[in-house]
Amino acid sequence: MPYNSPMQKILHSDAVHNALIKRGVTQKDLASEVGVSAQAVTNWLKGKDFPRPPALLKLAATLQLSFEELVSTTDTNQPIVAFRKKGAAITTNAHINSESS
């Protein structure tokens, strides 16, 4: 069974650029408002890096964008969960419930 890689997230750079134009500010101004370097914003928009949660929240609030408008994910699959039984043991709901906690 293949291993699924963790969910990848990138910013919708078009949404960010449109929000910057709407507000009449530059990437440098945005970086200052969010509290990061201008290079960090450039890396986010190029997909080289992704903002940490506090910066992402400030970015969304500053640009007045929802998470869905701001972030794109590559999560197309549900996680795969496998259970192994020991010998001829019967898997019960109690086993399944204890594994999901």
Protein backbone atom coordinates (compact mmCIF):
# COMPACT_ATOMS: atom_id res chain seq x y z
CA MET A 1 0.00 0.00 0.00
CA PRO A 2 1.62 3.34 -1.03
CA TYR A 3 2.34 6.04 1.51
CA ASN A 4 0.37 9.24 0.97
CA SER A 5 2.43 12.39 1.43
CA PRO A 6 1.17 15.13 3.76
CA MET A 7 -1.22 17.72 2.41
CA GLN A 8 0.54 20.41 0.40
CA LYS A 9 -0.66 24.01 0.74
CA ILE A 10 0.09 27.03 -1.41
CA LEU A 11 -1.23 30.57 -1.47
CA HIS A 12 -3.53 31.73 -4.23
CA SER A 13 -1.10 34.35 -5.47
CA ASP A 14 -3.70 35.86 -7.84
CA ALA A 15 -6.07 36.46 -4.92
CA VAL A 16 -3.27 38.08 -2.93
CA HIS A 17 -2.23 40.30 -5.86
CA ASN A 18 -5.86 41.34 -6.47
CA ALA A 19 -6.31 42.17 -2.79
CA LEU A 20 -3.11 44.25 -2.83
CA ILE A 21 -4.31 46.20 -5.87
CA LYS A 22 -7.72 46.72 -4.26
CA ARG A 23 -6.05 48.10 -1.11
CA GLY A 24 -3.46 50.08 -3.08
CA VAL A 25 -0.48 48.60 -1.25
CA THR A 26 2.70 46.83 -2.27
CA GLN A 27 4.11 43.45 -1.23
CA LYS A 28 6.58 45.37 0.93
CA ASP A 29 3.71 47.19 2.68
CA LEU A 30 1.95 43.86 3.21
CA ALA A 31 5.10 42.33 4.70
CA SER A 32 5.34 45.22 7.15
CA GLU A 33 1.67 44.87 8.17
CA VAL A 34 1.99 41.10 8.66
CA GLY A 35 5.32 41.44 10.49
CA VAL A 36 7.52 39.45 8.12
CA SER A 37 10.23 40.27 5.59
CA ALA A 38 9.43 41.29 2.03
CA GLN A 39 11.39 38.21 0.92
CA ALA A 40 9.07 35.98 2.95
CA VAL A 41 6.04 37.38 1.12
CA THR A 42 7.81 36.91 -2.23
CA ASN A 43 8.59 33.28 -1.33
CA TRP A 44 4.96 32.66 -0.31
CA LEU A 45 3.66 34.06 -3.60
CA LYS A 46 6.16 32.02 -5.63
CA GLY A 47 5.15 28.84 -3.79
CA LYS A 48 8.65 28.38 -2.33
CA ASP A 49 7.41 28.65 1.25
CA PHE A 50 4.13 28.75 3.18
CA PRO A 51 3.31 31.15 6.01
CA ARG A 52 3.26 29.87 9.57
CA PRO A 53 -0.17 29.93 11.23
CA PRO A 54 0.20 33.33 13.00
CA ALA A 55 1.39 35.00 9.77
CA LEU A 56 -1.33 33.25 7.77
CA LEU A 57 -4.00 34.60 10.13
CA LYS A 58 -2.58 38.14 9.91
CA LEU A 59 -2.36 37.81 6.13
CA ALA A 60 -6.00 36.73 5.83
CA ALA A 61 -7.19 39.48 8.19
CA THR A 62 -5.10 42.16 6.49
CA LEU A 63 -6.28 41.22 3.00
CA GLN A 64 -9.81 40.38 4.18
CA LEU A 65 -9.70 36.98 2.51
CA SER A 66 -11.14 33.72 3.79
CA PHE A 67 -8.95 30.63 4.15
CA GLU A 68 -10.54 29.14 1.02
CA GLU A 69 -9.81 32.31 -0.96
CA LEU A 70 -6.24 32.48 0.30
CA VAL A 71 -5.05 28.85 0.35
CA SER A 72 -5.08 26.01 -2.14
CA THR A 73 -4.48 22.45 -0.97
CA THR A 74 -3.49 19.34 -2.85
CA ASP A 75 -5.39 17.10 -0.44
CA THR A 76 -7.45 15.02 -2.86
CA ASN A 77 -7.50 11.73 -0.96
CA GLN A 78 -8.81 10.66 2.38
CA PRO A 79 -6.18 9.17 4.70
CA ILE A 80 -5.63 5.46 4.44
CA VAL A 81 -5.99 3.57 7.71
CA ALA A 82 -4.93 -0.04 8.12
CA PHE A 83 -5.56 -2.34 11.06
CA ARG A 84 -3.63 -5.51 11.76
CA LYS A 85 -5.25 -8.38 13.53
CA LYS A 86 -3.27 -10.59 15.85
CA GLY A 87 -3.54 -14.23 14.91
CA ALA A 88 -7.15 -15.31 14.47
CA ALA A 89 -8.51 -12.45 16.62
CA ILE A 90 -11.83 -10.96 15.64
CA THR A 91 -11.88 -7.20 15.13
CA THR A 92 -14.73 -5.64 17.12
CA ASN A 93 -16.14 -2.13 17.26
CA ALA A 94 -14.32 -1.69 20.58
CA HIS A 95 -11.00 -2.30 18.78
CA ILE A 96 -11.84 0.16 16.02
CA ASN A 97 -13.00 2.83 18.48
CA SER A 98 -9.86 2.47 20.61
CA GLU A 99 -7.65 2.93 17.49
CA SER A 100 -9.36 6.16 16.42
CA SER A 101 -8.93 7.92 19.77
